[in-house]
Amino acid sequence: MREHIIPDLLQKGLIDPEEAETIRHFEATRPFSLHWELTTMLYLGVLLLNVGLGVLIYENLDTIGHAALIFLIGCVSAVCLGYAYRRRAPFSSGQAESPTPYYDYILLLGCLTFLIMEGYWQYQYNLFGDKYGLATFIPMILFFGTAYTLDNRGVLSLAITLLASWIGVTVTPTELLSKNDFNSESIIHSGVMLGLFLALVPFLSERAGFKKHFSLTYLNFSVHLLMIACLAGMIALGNTLLYFPLLCLAVGFYFWYARTQGSFYFLIVAIIYGYIGITYLLLSNAGGLDFSVYMLYFLISCGAVIAFLINYKKFFKTRDI
């Protein structure tokens, strides 16, 4: 507790000196929570283990052999996924508690090693041929089913990422992939549609009362995908008449969501993307202005954004955000 709060409470007569001393002693001696530090270390451990598998593959191809490496990675994935399914909690439409402290990390390790195994299989043996969409479609279906069955938001994030990859591969001609040309109108349109779809899913699930705690994961992907696609349409395609109003609608929607849900994160994200879009629109139509004008614009606009963030509670009139 902050030190200035206790004197205020004493001055108002809400607590007596003995209670104030008790509070000070409690605050000075209470245990410090290491939850987020340990959680971060465990997630980093899972990621580093997968990086280590990649290094092992790269450095020992000639000595171990492809089949042996695929078998090793497959065994790790099978053991992790088998453990996760055996120890799973009973299915619930709400949020389910993890059966063990390490359950989520073992499940995530199993899914990541499955992706490594499948990617290795495709690269070395061309398992799916030129049907690249299958390489993302199969794990996408598996991970969506696993995420909902085992109630895991980390696996859901992998599934949504694979969904975006599958749509990108599906709508993109092979020659665009080989030439690394991602200015395709079809990709941008797909990004907009997928962003809208991911924003719609949480509202349907909350209305149905089914896995409502997945909403933040869907909306987190939606806000970035939708707004980046709108900015890409403005900048790469030069179509500001279509994509700038759509960007404004997206910014307005996430402003509304930030206000109603008390989410400072979505407020910041909406401001950043909206600022980028407005700045691009103004500067692209400004012509050859003097450099000092540009500097003045950035000084005034950045100051306005900072002032808004400092006083955002006055604008939103809410205690929750």
C-alpha atoms as a PDB file:
ATOM      1  CA  MET A   1       0.000   0.000   0.000  1.00  0.00           C
ATOM      2  CA  ARG A   2       1.293   3.452  -0.779  1.00  0.00           C
ATOM      3  CA  GLU A   3       2.637   5.338   2.219  1.00  0.00           C
ATOM      4  CA  HIS A   4       0.474   8.436   1.714  1.00  0.00           C
ATOM      5  CA  ILE A   5      -2.764   6.435   1.990  1.00  0.00           C
ATOM      6  CA  ILE A   6      -2.274   5.511   5.648  1.00  0.00           C
ATOM      7  CA  PRO A   7      -1.848   9.144   6.856  1.00  0.00           C
ATOM      8  CA  ASP A   8      -4.949  10.106   4.890  1.00  0.00           C
ATOM      9  CA  LEU A   9      -6.957   7.367   6.583  1.00  0.00           C
ATOM     10  CA  LEU A  10      -5.623   8.462   9.980  1.00  0.00           C
ATOM     11  CA  GLN A  11      -6.483  12.081   9.311  1.00  0.00           C
ATOM     12  CA  LYS A  12     -10.037  11.176   8.316  1.00  0.00           C
ATOM     13  CA  GLY A  13     -10.448   9.060  11.429  1.00  0.00           C
ATOM     14  CA  LEU A  14     -11.149   5.876   9.462  1.00  0.00           C
ATOM     15  CA  ILE A  15      -8.429   3.924  11.295  1.00  0.00           C
ATOM     16  CA  ASP A  16      -6.624   4.357  14.628  1.00  0.00           C
ATOM     17  CA  PRO A  17      -2.812   4.410  15.120  1.00  0.00           C
ATOM     18  CA  GLU A  18      -2.684   0.734  16.168  1.00  0.00           C
ATOM     19  CA  GLU A  19      -4.467  -0.343  12.991  1.00  0.00           C
ATOM     20  CA  ALA A  20      -2.173   1.876  10.942  1.00  0.00           C
ATOM     21  CA  GLU A  21       0.891   0.210  12.461  1.00  0.00           C
ATOM     22  CA  THR A  22      -0.609  -3.220  11.798  1.00  0.00           C
ATOM     23  CA  ILE A  23      -1.166  -2.315   8.154  1.00  0.00           C
ATOM     24  CA  ARG A  24       2.390  -0.998   7.811  1.00  0.00           C
ATOM     25  CA  HIS A  25       3.792  -4.185   9.329  1.00  0.00           C
ATOM     26  CA  PHE A  26       1.687  -6.355   7.019  1.00  0.00           C
ATOM     27  CA  GLU A  27       2.773  -4.448   3.921  1.00  0.00           C
ATOM     28  CA  ALA A  28       6.437  -4.653   4.946  1.00  0.00           C
ATOM     29  CA  THR A  29       6.436  -8.387   5.706  1.00  0.00           C
ATOM     30  CA  ARG A  30       3.924  -9.915   3.264  1.00  0.00           C
ATOM     31  CA  PRO A  31       5.334 -12.437   0.736  1.00  0.00           C
ATOM     32  CA  PHE A  32       6.216 -11.198  -2.730  1.00  0.00           C
ATOM     33  CA  SER A  33       4.359 -12.976  -5.540  1.00  0.00           C
ATOM     34  CA  LEU A  34       6.580 -14.624  -8.166  1.00  0.00           C
ATOM     35  CA  HIS A  35       3.642 -15.877 -10.242  1.00  0.00           C
ATOM     36  CA  TRP A  36       4.325 -13.876 -13.404  1.00  0.00           C
ATOM     37  CA  GLU A  37       8.089 -14.305 -13.166  1.00  0.00           C
ATOM     38  CA  LEU A  38       7.757 -18.104 -12.911  1.00  0.00           C
ATOM     39  CA  THR A  39       5.103 -18.169 -15.639  1.00  0.00           C
ATOM     40  CA  THR A  40       7.370 -16.214 -17.975  1.00  0.00           C
ATOM     41  CA  MET A  41      10.302 -18.526 -17.216  1.00  0.00           C
ATOM     42  CA  LEU A  42       8.189 -21.604 -17.956  1.00  0.00           C
ATOM     43  CA  TYR A  43       6.978 -20.211 -21.278  1.00  0.00           C
ATOM     44  CA  LEU A  44      10.552 -19.256 -22.179  1.00  0.00           C
ATOM     45  CA  GLY A  45      11.617 -22.774 -21.255  1.00  0.00           C
ATOM     46  CA  VAL A  46       9.096 -24.263 -23.665  1.00  0.00           C
ATOM     47  CA  LEU A  47      10.211 -21.927 -26.465  1.00  0.00           C
ATOM     48  CA  LEU A  48      13.916 -22.555 -25.793  1.00  0.00           C
ATOM     49  CA  LEU A  49      13.338 -26.298 -25.838  1.00  0.00           C
ATOM     50  CA  ASN A  50      11.775 -25.993 -29.290  1.00  0.00           C
ATOM     51  CA  VAL A  51      14.673 -23.810 -30.423  1.00  0.00           C
ATOM     52  CA  GLY A  52      17.021 -26.482 -29.109  1.00  0.00           C
ATOM     53  CA  LEU A  53      15.221 -29.111 -31.164  1.00  0.00           C
ATOM     54  CA  GLY A  54      15.686 -26.926 -34.232  1.00  0.00           C
ATOM     55  CA  VAL A  55      19.413 -26.588 -33.539  1.00  0.00           C
ATOM     56  CA  LEU A  56      19.659 -30.347 -32.964  1.00  0.00           C
ATOM     57  CA  ILE A  57      18.048 -30.993 -36.331  1.00  0.00           C
ATOM     58  CA  TYR A  58      20.329 -28.545 -38.113  1.00  0.00           C
ATOM     59  CA  GLU A  59      23.582 -29.782 -36.608  1.00  0.00           C
ATOM     60  CA  ASN A  60      22.961 -33.541 -36.653  1.00  0.00           C
ATOM     61  CA  LEU A  61      21.205 -34.252 -39.929  1.00  0.00           C
ATOM     62  CA  ASP A  62      24.099 -36.244 -41.317  1.00  0.00           C
ATOM     63  CA  THR A  63      24.825 -38.280 -38.190  1.00  0.00           C
ATOM     64  CA  ILE A  64      21.383 -39.043 -36.774  1.00  0.00           C
ATOM     65  CA  GLY A  65      19.300 -39.202 -39.922  1.00  0.00           C
ATOM     66  CA  HIS A  66      15.999 -37.645 -40.900  1.00  0.00           C
ATOM     67  CA  ALA A  67      13.785 -40.559 -39.907  1.00  0.00           C
ATOM     68  CA  ALA A  68      15.322 -40.803 -36.431  1.00  0.00           C
ATOM     69  CA  LEU A  69      14.889 -37.080 -35.799  1.00  0.00           C
ATOM     70  CA  ILE A  70      11.276 -37.121 -36.941  1.00  0.00           C
ATOM     71  CA  PHE A  71      10.641 -40.125 -34.711  1.00  0.00           C
ATOM     72  CA  LEU A  72      12.266 -38.369 -31.729  1.00  0.00           C
ATOM     73  CA  ILE A  73      10.235 -35.183 -32.201  1.00  0.00           C
ATOM     74  CA  GLY A  74       7.064 -37.210 -32.760  1.00  0.00           C
ATOM     75  CA  CYS A  75       7.640 -39.099 -29.518  1.00  0.00           C
ATOM     76  CA  VAL A  76       8.017 -35.843 -27.568  1.00  0.00           C
ATOM     77  CA  SER A  77       4.816 -34.501 -29.107  1.00  0.00           C
ATOM     78  CA  ALA A  78       2.887 -37.739 -28.526  1.00  0.00           C
ATOM     79  CA  VAL A  79       3.971 -37.983 -24.893  1.00  0.00           C
ATOM     80  CA  CYS A  80       3.025 -34.367 -24.168  1.00  0.00           C
ATOM     81  CA  LEU A  81      -0.341 -34.533 -25.928  1.00  0.00           C
ATOM     82  CA  GLY A  82      -1.096 -37.941 -24.409  1.00  0.00           C
ATOM     83  CA  TYR A  83      -0.376 -36.575 -20.939  1.00  0.00           C
ATOM     84  CA  ALA A  84      -2.582 -33.542 -21.611  1.00  0.00           C
ATOM     85  CA  TYR A  85      -5.542 -35.634 -22.739  1.00  0.00           C
ATOM     86  CA  ARG A  86      -5.199 -38.122 -19.890  1.00  0.00           C
ATOM     87  CA  ARG A  87      -5.034 -35.420 -17.219  1.00  0.00           C
ATOM     88  CA  ARG A  88      -7.634 -33.096 -18.726  1.00  0.00           C
ATOM     89  CA  ALA A  89     -10.350 -31.608 -16.571  1.00  0.00           C
ATOM     90  CA  PRO A  90     -14.018 -32.419 -17.320  1.00  0.00           C
ATOM     91  CA  PHE A  91     -15.289 -30.409 -20.267  1.00  0.00           C
ATOM     92  CA  SER A  92     -17.043 -27.177 -19.380  1.00  0.00           C
ATOM     93  CA  SER A  93     -18.563 -24.351 -21.405  1.00  0.00           C
ATOM     94  CA  GLY A  94     -16.887 -21.974 -18.965  1.00  0.00           C
ATOM     95  CA  GLN A  95     -13.287 -21.700 -17.845  1.00  0.00           C
ATOM     96  CA  ALA A  96     -11.731 -24.908 -16.541  1.00  0.00           C
ATOM     97  CA  GLU A  97      -8.919 -25.041 -14.012  1.00  0.00           C
ATOM     98  CA  SER A  98      -5.611 -26.649 -15.039  1.00  0.00           C
ATOM     99  CA  PRO A  99      -5.249 -30.100 -13.434  1.00  0.00           C
ATOM    100  CA  THR A 100      -1.582 -29.490 -12.559  1.00  0.00           C
ATOM    101  CA  PRO A 101       0.652 -26.382 -12.392  1.00  0.00           C
ATOM    102  CA  TYR A 102       2.641 -27.536 -15.436  1.00  0.00           C
ATOM    103  CA  TYR A 103      -0.280 -28.809 -17.489  1.00  0.00           C
ATOM    104  CA  ASP A 104      -0.564 -25.812 -19.856  1.00  0.00           C
ATOM    105  CA  TYR A 105       3.151 -25.769 -20.593  1.00  0.00           C
ATOM    106  CA  ILE A 106       3.306 -29.486 -21.380  1.00  0.00           C
ATOM    107  CA  LEU A 107       0.307 -29.111 -23.706  1.00  0.00           C
ATOM    108  CA  LEU A 108       1.903 -26.133 -25.464  1.00  0.00           C
ATOM    109  CA  LEU A 109       5.166 -28.064 -25.853  1.00  0.00           C
ATOM    110  CA  GLY A 110       3.272 -30.963 -27.438  1.00  0.00           C
ATOM    111  CA  CYS A 111       1.575 -28.664 -29.959  1.00  0.00           C
ATOM    112  CA  LEU A 112       4.783 -26.827 -30.882  1.00  0.00           C
ATOM    113  CA  THR A 113       6.729 -30.046 -31.369  1.00  0.00           C
ATOM    114  CA  PHE A 114       3.882 -31.341 -33.534  1.00  0.00           C
ATOM    115  CA  LEU A 115       4.321 -28.300 -35.779  1.00  0.00           C
ATOM    116  CA  ILE A 116       8.074 -28.880 -35.922  1.00  0.00           C
ATOM    117  CA  MET A 117       7.541 -32.513 -36.862  1.00  0.00           C
ATOM    118  CA  GLU A 118       5.012 -31.691 -39.567  1.00  0.00           C
ATOM    119  CA  GLY A 119       7.141 -28.899 -40.995  1.00  0.00           C
ATOM    120  CA  TYR A 120      10.212 -31.131 -41.022  1.00  0.00           C
ATOM    121  CA  TRP A 121       8.209 -33.866 -42.721  1.00  0.00           C
ATOM    122  CA  GLN A 122       6.989 -31.479 -45.410  1.00  0.00           C
ATOM    123  CA  TYR A 123      10.439 -29.963 -45.976  1.00  0.00           C
ATOM    124  CA  GLN A 124      12.324 -33.234 -46.175  1.00  0.00           C
ATOM    125  CA  TYR A 125       9.818 -35.628 -47.718  1.00  0.00           C
ATOM    126  CA  ASN A 126       7.352 -33.201 -49.353  1.00  0.00           C
ATOM    127  CA  LEU A 127       4.508 -34.914 -47.525  1.00  0.00           C
ATOM    128  CA  PHE A 128       1.749 -32.672 -48.913  1.00  0.00           C
ATOM    129  CA  GLY A 129       3.331 -31.976 -52.289  1.00  0.00           C
ATOM    130  CA  ASP A 130       2.388 -28.547 -53.611  1.00  0.00           C
ATOM    131  CA  LYS A 131      -0.810 -28.479 -51.527  1.00  0.00           C
ATOM    132  CA  TYR A 132       0.650 -26.095 -48.986  1.00  0.00           C
ATOM    133  CA  GLY A 133      -2.744 -25.318 -47.503  1.00  0.00           C
ATOM    134  CA  LEU A 134      -2.965 -28.830 -46.036  1.00  0.00           C
ATOM    135  CA  ALA A 135       0.189 -28.206 -44.005  1.00  0.00           C
ATOM    136  CA  THR A 136      -1.650 -25.503 -42.078  1.00  0.00           C
ATOM    137  CA  PHE A 137      -5.214 -26.815 -42.333  1.00  0.00           C
ATOM    138  CA  ILE A 138      -4.563 -30.109 -40.540  1.00  0.00           C
ATOM    139  CA  PRO A 139      -2.864 -28.653 -37.423  1.00  0.00           C
ATOM    140  CA  MET A 140      -5.381 -25.786 -37.451  1.00  0.00           C
ATOM    141  CA  ILE A 141      -8.295 -28.210 -37.058  1.00  0.00           C
ATOM    142  CA  LEU A 142      -6.349 -30.226 -34.480  1.00  0.00           C
ATOM    143  CA  PHE A 143      -5.454 -27.146 -32.427  1.00  0.00           C
ATOM    144  CA  PHE A 144      -8.947 -25.620 -32.488  1.00  0.00           C
ATOM    145  CA  GLY A 145     -10.357 -28.909 -31.237  1.00  0.00           C
ATOM    146  CA  THR A 146      -7.637 -29.204 -28.615  1.00  0.00           C
ATOM    147  CA  ALA A 147      -8.047 -25.597 -27.453  1.00  0.00           C
ATOM    148  CA  TYR A 148     -11.780 -25.988 -26.849  1.00  0.00           C
ATOM    149  CA  THR A 149     -11.580 -29.521 -25.480  1.00  0.00           C
ATOM    150  CA  LEU A 150      -8.715 -28.814 -23.075  1.00  0.00           C
ATOM    151  CA  ASP A 151      -9.582 -25.135 -22.526  1.00  0.00           C
ATOM    152  CA  ASN A 152      -6.217 -23.625 -23.398  1.00  0.00           C
ATOM    153  CA  ARG A 153      -5.781 -20.092 -24.744  1.00  0.00           C
ATOM    154  CA  GLY A 154      -2.178 -20.695 -25.786  1.00  0.00           C
ATOM    155  CA  VAL A 155      -3.253 -23.469 -28.152  1.00  0.00           C
ATOM    156  CA  LEU A 156      -6.128 -21.274 -29.331  1.00  0.00           C
ATOM    157  CA  SER A 157      -3.583 -18.604 -30.285  1.00  0.00           C
ATOM    158  CA  LEU A 158      -1.679 -21.191 -32.328  1.00  0.00           C
ATOM    159  CA  ALA A 159      -4.924 -22.249 -34.007  1.00  0.00           C
ATOM    160  CA  ILE A 160      -5.851 -18.668 -34.954  1.00  0.00           C
ATOM    161  CA  THR A 161      -2.343 -18.097 -36.312  1.00  0.00           C
ATOM    162  CA  LEU A 162      -2.680 -21.223 -38.443  1.00  0.00           C
ATOM    163  CA  LEU A 163      -6.121 -20.061 -39.609  1.00  0.00           C
ATOM    164  CA  ALA A 164      -4.587 -16.805 -40.829  1.00  0.00           C
ATOM    165  CA  SER A 165      -1.759 -18.733 -42.506  1.00  0.00           C
ATOM    166  CA  TRP A 166      -4.178 -21.136 -44.165  1.00  0.00           C
ATOM    167  CA  ILE A 167      -6.315 -18.317 -45.554  1.00  0.00           C
ATOM    168  CA  GLY A 168      -3.193 -16.484 -46.759  1.00  0.00           C
ATOM    169  CA  VAL A 169      -1.867 -19.568 -48.541  1.00  0.00           C
ATOM    170  CA  THR A 170      -5.291 -20.404 -49.963  1.00  0.00           C
ATOM    171  CA  VAL A 171      -6.018 -16.994 -51.517  1.00  0.00           C
ATOM    172  CA  THR A 172      -2.440 -16.306 -52.677  1.00  0.00           C
ATOM    173  CA  PRO A 173      -1.264 -17.653 -56.019  1.00  0.00           C
ATOM    174  CA  THR A 174       1.929 -19.689 -55.800  1.00  0.00           C
ATOM    175  CA  GLU A 175       3.866 -17.243 -57.953  1.00  0.00           C
ATOM    176  CA  LEU A 176       3.204 -14.448 -55.445  1.00  0.00           C
ATOM    177  CA  LEU A 177       4.672 -16.557 -52.664  1.00  0.00           C
ATOM    178  CA  SER A 178       7.741 -17.432 -54.716  1.00  0.00           C
ATOM    179  CA  LYS A 179       8.303 -13.766 -55.620  1.00  0.00           C
ATOM    180  CA  ASN A 180       7.636 -12.552 -52.038  1.00  0.00           C
ATOM    181  CA  ASP A 181       5.041 -10.098 -53.341  1.00  0.00           C
ATOM    182  CA  PHE A 182       2.597  -9.478 -50.500  1.00  0.00           C
ATOM    183  CA  ASN A 183       0.938  -6.384 -51.944  1.00  0.00           C
ATOM    184  CA  SER A 184      -1.818  -8.592 -53.294  1.00  0.00           C
ATOM    185  CA  GLU A 185      -5.306  -7.134 -52.988  1.00  0.00           C
ATOM    186  CA  SER A 186      -6.670 -10.582 -52.182  1.00  0.00           C
ATOM    187  CA  ILE A 187      -4.403 -10.896 -49.137  1.00  0.00           C
ATOM    188  CA  ILE A 188      -5.501  -7.516 -47.786  1.00  0.00           C
ATOM    189  CA  HIS A 189      -9.171  -8.273 -48.385  1.00  0.00           C
ATOM    190  CA  SER A 190      -8.724 -11.627 -46.638  1.00  0.00           C
ATOM    191  CA  GLY A 191      -7.053  -9.896 -43.705  1.00  0.00           C
ATOM    192  CA  VAL A 192      -9.976  -7.503 -43.361  1.00  0.00           C
ATOM    193  CA  MET A 193     -12.547 -10.290 -43.543  1.00  0.00           C
ATOM    194  CA  LEU A 194     -10.651 -12.473 -41.073  1.00  0.00           C
ATOM    195  CA  GLY A 195     -10.261  -9.531 -38.684  1.00  0.00           C
ATOM    196  CA  LEU A 196     -14.009  -8.896 -38.814  1.00  0.00           C
ATOM    197  CA  PHE A 197     -14.733 -12.591 -38.305  1.00  0.00           C
ATOM    198  CA  LEU A 198     -12.426 -12.799 -35.274  1.00  0.00           C
ATOM    199  CA  ALA A 199     -14.145  -9.737 -33.799  1.00  0.00           C
ATOM    200  CA  LEU A 200     -17.571 -11.347 -34.317  1.00  0.00           C
ATOM    201  CA  VAL A 201     -16.752 -14.712 -32.706  1.00  0.00           C
ATOM    202  CA  PRO A 202     -16.432 -13.372 -29.114  1.00  0.00           C
ATOM    203  CA  PHE A 203     -19.826 -11.675 -29.243  1.00  0.00           C
ATOM    204  CA  LEU A 204     -21.489 -14.861 -30.494  1.00  0.00           C
ATOM    205  CA  SER A 205     -19.756 -16.976 -27.855  1.00  0.00           C
ATOM    206  CA  GLU A 206     -20.637 -14.536 -25.062  1.00  0.00           C
ATOM    207  CA  ARG A 207     -24.258 -14.451 -26.189  1.00  0.00           C
ATOM    208  CA  ALA A 208     -24.290 -18.255 -26.146  1.00  0.00           C
ATOM    209  CA  GLY A 209     -22.385 -18.395 -22.837  1.00  0.00           C
ATOM    210  CA  PHE A 210     -19.750 -20.677 -24.366  1.00  0.00           C
ATOM    211  CA  LYS A 211     -16.033 -20.177 -23.588  1.00  0.00           C
ATOM    212  CA  LYS A 212     -16.457 -16.469 -22.922  1.00  0.00           C
ATOM    213  CA  HIS A 213     -12.920 -16.232 -21.548  1.00  0.00           C
ATOM    214  CA  PHE A 214     -11.595 -16.847 -25.078  1.00  0.00           C
ATOM    215  CA  SER A 215     -12.912 -13.432 -26.145  1.00  0.00           C
ATOM    216  CA  LEU A 216      -9.734 -11.515 -25.339  1.00  0.00           C
ATOM    217  CA  THR A 217      -7.626 -13.914 -27.433  1.00  0.00           C
ATOM    218  CA  TYR A 218      -9.886 -13.513 -30.473  1.00  0.00           C
ATOM    219  CA  LEU A 219     -10.088  -9.739 -30.127  1.00  0.00           C
ATOM    220  CA  ASN A 220      -6.338  -9.407 -29.645  1.00  0.00           C
ATOM    221  CA  PHE A 221      -5.746 -11.046 -33.019  1.00  0.00           C
ATOM    222  CA  SER A 222      -8.648  -9.184 -34.577  1.00  0.00           C
ATOM    223  CA  VAL A 223      -7.546  -5.671 -33.646  1.00  0.00           C
ATOM    224  CA  HIS A 224      -4.057  -6.071 -35.118  1.00  0.00           C
ATOM    225  CA  LEU A 225      -5.076  -8.051 -38.186  1.00  0.00           C
ATOM    226  CA  LEU A 226      -7.967  -5.760 -39.106  1.00  0.00           C
ATOM    227  CA  MET A 227      -6.130  -2.491 -38.618  1.00  0.00           C
ATOM    228  CA  ILE A 228      -2.900  -3.632 -40.281  1.00  0.00           C
ATOM    229  CA  ALA A 229      -4.951  -4.810 -43.264  1.00  0.00           C
ATOM    230  CA  CYS A 230      -6.670  -1.400 -43.433  1.00  0.00           C
ATOM    231  CA  LEU A 231      -3.325   0.409 -43.267  1.00  0.00           C
ATOM    232  CA  ALA A 232      -1.931  -1.907 -45.937  1.00  0.00           C
ATOM    233  CA  GLY A 233      -4.900  -1.096 -48.153  1.00  0.00           C
ATOM    234  CA  MET A 234      -4.256   2.614 -47.679  1.00  0.00           C
ATOM    235  CA  ILE A 235      -0.492   2.489 -48.148  1.00  0.00           C
ATOM    236  CA  ALA A 236       0.223  -0.485 -50.440  1.00  0.00           C
ATOM    237  CA  LEU A 237      -2.908  -0.254 -52.583  1.00  0.00           C
ATOM    238  CA  GLY A 238      -3.392   3.519 -52.291  1.00  0.00           C
ATOM    239  CA  ASN A 239      -7.127   3.059 -51.762  1.00  0.00           C
ATOM    240  CA  THR A 240      -7.822   5.555 -48.982  1.00  0.00           C
ATOM    241  CA  LEU A 241     -11.466   6.062 -49.965  1.00  0.00           C
ATOM    242  CA  LEU A 242     -12.276   2.501 -48.949  1.00  0.00           C
ATOM    243  CA  TYR A 243      -9.786   1.621 -46.253  1.00  0.00           C
ATOM    244  CA  PHE A 244      -9.566   4.863 -44.264  1.00  0.00           C
ATOM    245  CA  PRO A 245     -13.297   4.889 -43.379  1.00  0.00           C
ATOM    246  CA  LEU A 246     -12.989   1.198 -42.520  1.00  0.00           C
ATOM    247  CA  LEU A 247     -10.013   1.997 -40.295  1.00  0.00           C
ATOM    248  CA  CYS A 248     -12.029   4.743 -38.585  1.00  0.00           C
ATOM    249  CA  LEU A 249     -14.868   2.290 -37.943  1.00  0.00           C
ATOM    250  CA  ALA A 250     -12.425  -0.239 -36.493  1.00  0.00           C
ATOM    251  CA  VAL A 251     -10.822   2.397 -34.263  1.00  0.00           C
ATOM    252  CA  GLY A 252     -14.260   3.536 -33.098  1.00  0.00           C
ATOM    253  CA  PHE A 253     -15.291  -0.047 -32.331  1.00  0.00           C
ATOM    254  CA  TYR A 254     -12.228  -0.730 -30.200  1.00  0.00           C
ATOM    255  CA  PHE A 255     -12.599   2.637 -28.466  1.00  0.00           C
ATOM    256  CA  TRP A 256     -16.107   1.533 -27.544  1.00  0.00           C
ATOM    257  CA  TYR A 257     -14.839  -1.863 -26.410  1.00  0.00           C
ATOM    258  CA  ALA A 258     -12.080  -0.250 -24.343  1.00  0.00           C
ATOM    259  CA  ARG A 259     -14.607   2.009 -22.635  1.00  0.00           C
ATOM    260  CA  THR A 260     -17.195  -0.659 -21.908  1.00  0.00           C
ATOM    261  CA  GLN A 261     -14.724  -3.348 -20.814  1.00  0.00           C
ATOM    262  CA  GLY A 262     -12.240  -1.096 -19.043  1.00  0.00           C
ATOM    263  CA  SER A 263      -9.349  -2.172 -21.278  1.00  0.00           C
ATOM    264  CA  PHE A 264      -6.451   0.269 -21.393  1.00  0.00           C
ATOM    265  CA  TYR A 265      -4.654  -2.091 -23.785  1.00  0.00           C
ATOM    266  CA  PHE A 266      -7.281  -1.798 -26.526  1.00  0.00           C
ATOM    267  CA  LEU A 267      -7.433   1.951 -25.961  1.00  0.00           C
ATOM    268  CA  ILE A 268      -3.688   2.260 -26.619  1.00  0.00           C
ATOM    269  CA  VAL A 269      -3.813  -0.017 -29.666  1.00  0.00           C
ATOM    270  CA  ALA A 270      -6.734   1.881 -31.202  1.00  0.00           C
ATOM    271  CA  ILE A 271      -4.973   5.223 -30.664  1.00  0.00           C
ATOM    272  CA  ILE A 272      -1.725   3.994 -32.240  1.00  0.00           C
ATOM    273  CA  TYR A 273      -3.350   2.585 -35.376  1.00  0.00           C
ATOM    274  CA  GLY A 274      -5.689   5.544 -35.713  1.00  0.00           C
ATOM    275  CA  TYR A 275      -2.784   7.967 -35.381  1.00  0.00           C
ATOM    276  CA  ILE A 276      -0.809   6.122 -38.065  1.00  0.00           C
ATOM    277  CA  GLY A 277      -3.774   6.173 -40.448  1.00  0.00           C
ATOM    278  CA  ILE A 278      -4.570   9.860 -39.929  1.00  0.00           C
ATOM    279  CA  THR A 279      -0.909  10.837 -40.211  1.00  0.00           C
ATOM    280  CA  TYR A 280      -0.487   8.933 -43.466  1.00  0.00           C
ATOM    281  CA  LEU A 281      -3.664  10.451 -44.917  1.00  0.00           C
ATOM    282  CA  LEU A 282      -2.617  14.001 -44.016  1.00  0.00           C
ATOM    283  CA  LEU A 283       1.009  13.733 -45.106  1.00  0.00           C
ATOM    284  CA  SER A 284       0.259  11.890 -48.345  1.00  0.00           C
ATOM    285  CA  ASN A 285      -2.013  14.759 -49.400  1.00  0.00           C
ATOM    286  CA  ALA A 286       0.067  17.588 -47.967  1.00  0.00           C
ATOM    287  CA  GLY A 287       2.306  18.117 -50.990  1.00  0.00           C
ATOM    288  CA  GLY A 288       5.762  19.664 -50.679  1.00  0.00           C
ATOM    289  CA  LEU A 289       5.441  21.437 -47.344  1.00  0.00           C
ATOM    290  CA  ASP A 290       8.390  22.828 -45.449  1.00  0.00           C
ATOM    291  CA  PHE A 291      10.156  20.483 -43.040  1.00  0.00           C
ATOM    292  CA  SER A 292       9.253  22.721 -40.104  1.00  0.00           C
ATOM    293  CA  VAL A 293       5.548  22.170 -40.830  1.00  0.00           C
ATOM    294  CA  TYR A 294       5.993  18.412 -40.519  1.00  0.00           C
ATOM    295  CA  MET A 295       7.892  18.847 -37.259  1.00  0.00           C
ATOM    296  CA  LEU A 296       5.169  21.137 -35.929  1.00  0.00           C
ATOM    297  CA  TYR A 297       2.522  18.586 -36.838  1.00  0.00           C
ATOM    298  CA  PHE A 298       4.298  15.771 -35.010  1.00  0.00           C
ATOM    299  CA  LEU A 299       4.899  17.943 -31.948  1.00  0.00           C
ATOM    300  CA  ILE A 300       1.254  19.028 -31.733  1.00  0.00           C
ATOM    301  CA  SER A 301      -0.222  15.614 -32.550  1.00  0.00           C
ATOM    302  CA  CYS A 302       2.048  13.686 -30.186  1.00  0.00           C
ATOM    303  CA  GLY A 303       1.310  16.227 -27.461  1.00  0.00           C
ATOM    304  CA  ALA A 304      -2.415  15.787 -28.041  1.00  0.00           C
ATOM    305  CA  VAL A 305      -2.109  11.996 -27.811  1.00  0.00           C
ATOM    306  CA  ILE A 306      -0.102  12.243 -24.593  1.00  0.00           C
ATOM    307  CA  ALA A 307      -2.611  14.704 -23.120  1.00  0.00           C
ATOM    308  CA  PHE A 308      -5.455  12.352 -24.010  1.00  0.00           C
ATOM    309  CA  LEU A 309      -3.735   9.376 -22.390  1.00  0.00           C
ATOM    310  CA  ILE A 310      -3.054  11.387 -19.245  1.00  0.00           C
ATOM    311  CA  ASN A 311      -6.695  12.459 -18.990  1.00  0.00           C
ATOM    312  CA  TYR A 312      -8.396   9.435 -20.542  1.00  0.00           C
ATOM    313  CA  LYS A 313     -10.573   8.850 -17.481  1.00  0.00           C
ATOM    314  CA  LYS A 314     -12.206  12.247 -17.973  1.00  0.00           C
ATOM    315  CA  PHE A 315     -13.078  11.338 -21.564  1.00  0.00           C
ATOM    316  CA  PHE A 316     -14.421   7.882 -20.738  1.00  0.00           C
ATOM    317  CA  LYS A 317     -16.111   8.754 -17.458  1.00  0.00           C
ATOM    318  CA  THR A 318     -15.429   5.318 -16.026  1.00  0.00           C
ATOM    319  CA  ARG A 319     -13.628   3.988 -12.987  1.00  0.00           C
ATOM    320  CA  ASP A 320     -12.877   0.576 -14.441  1.00  0.00           C
ATOM    321  CA  ILE A 321     -10.476   1.382 -17.260  1.00  0.00           C
END
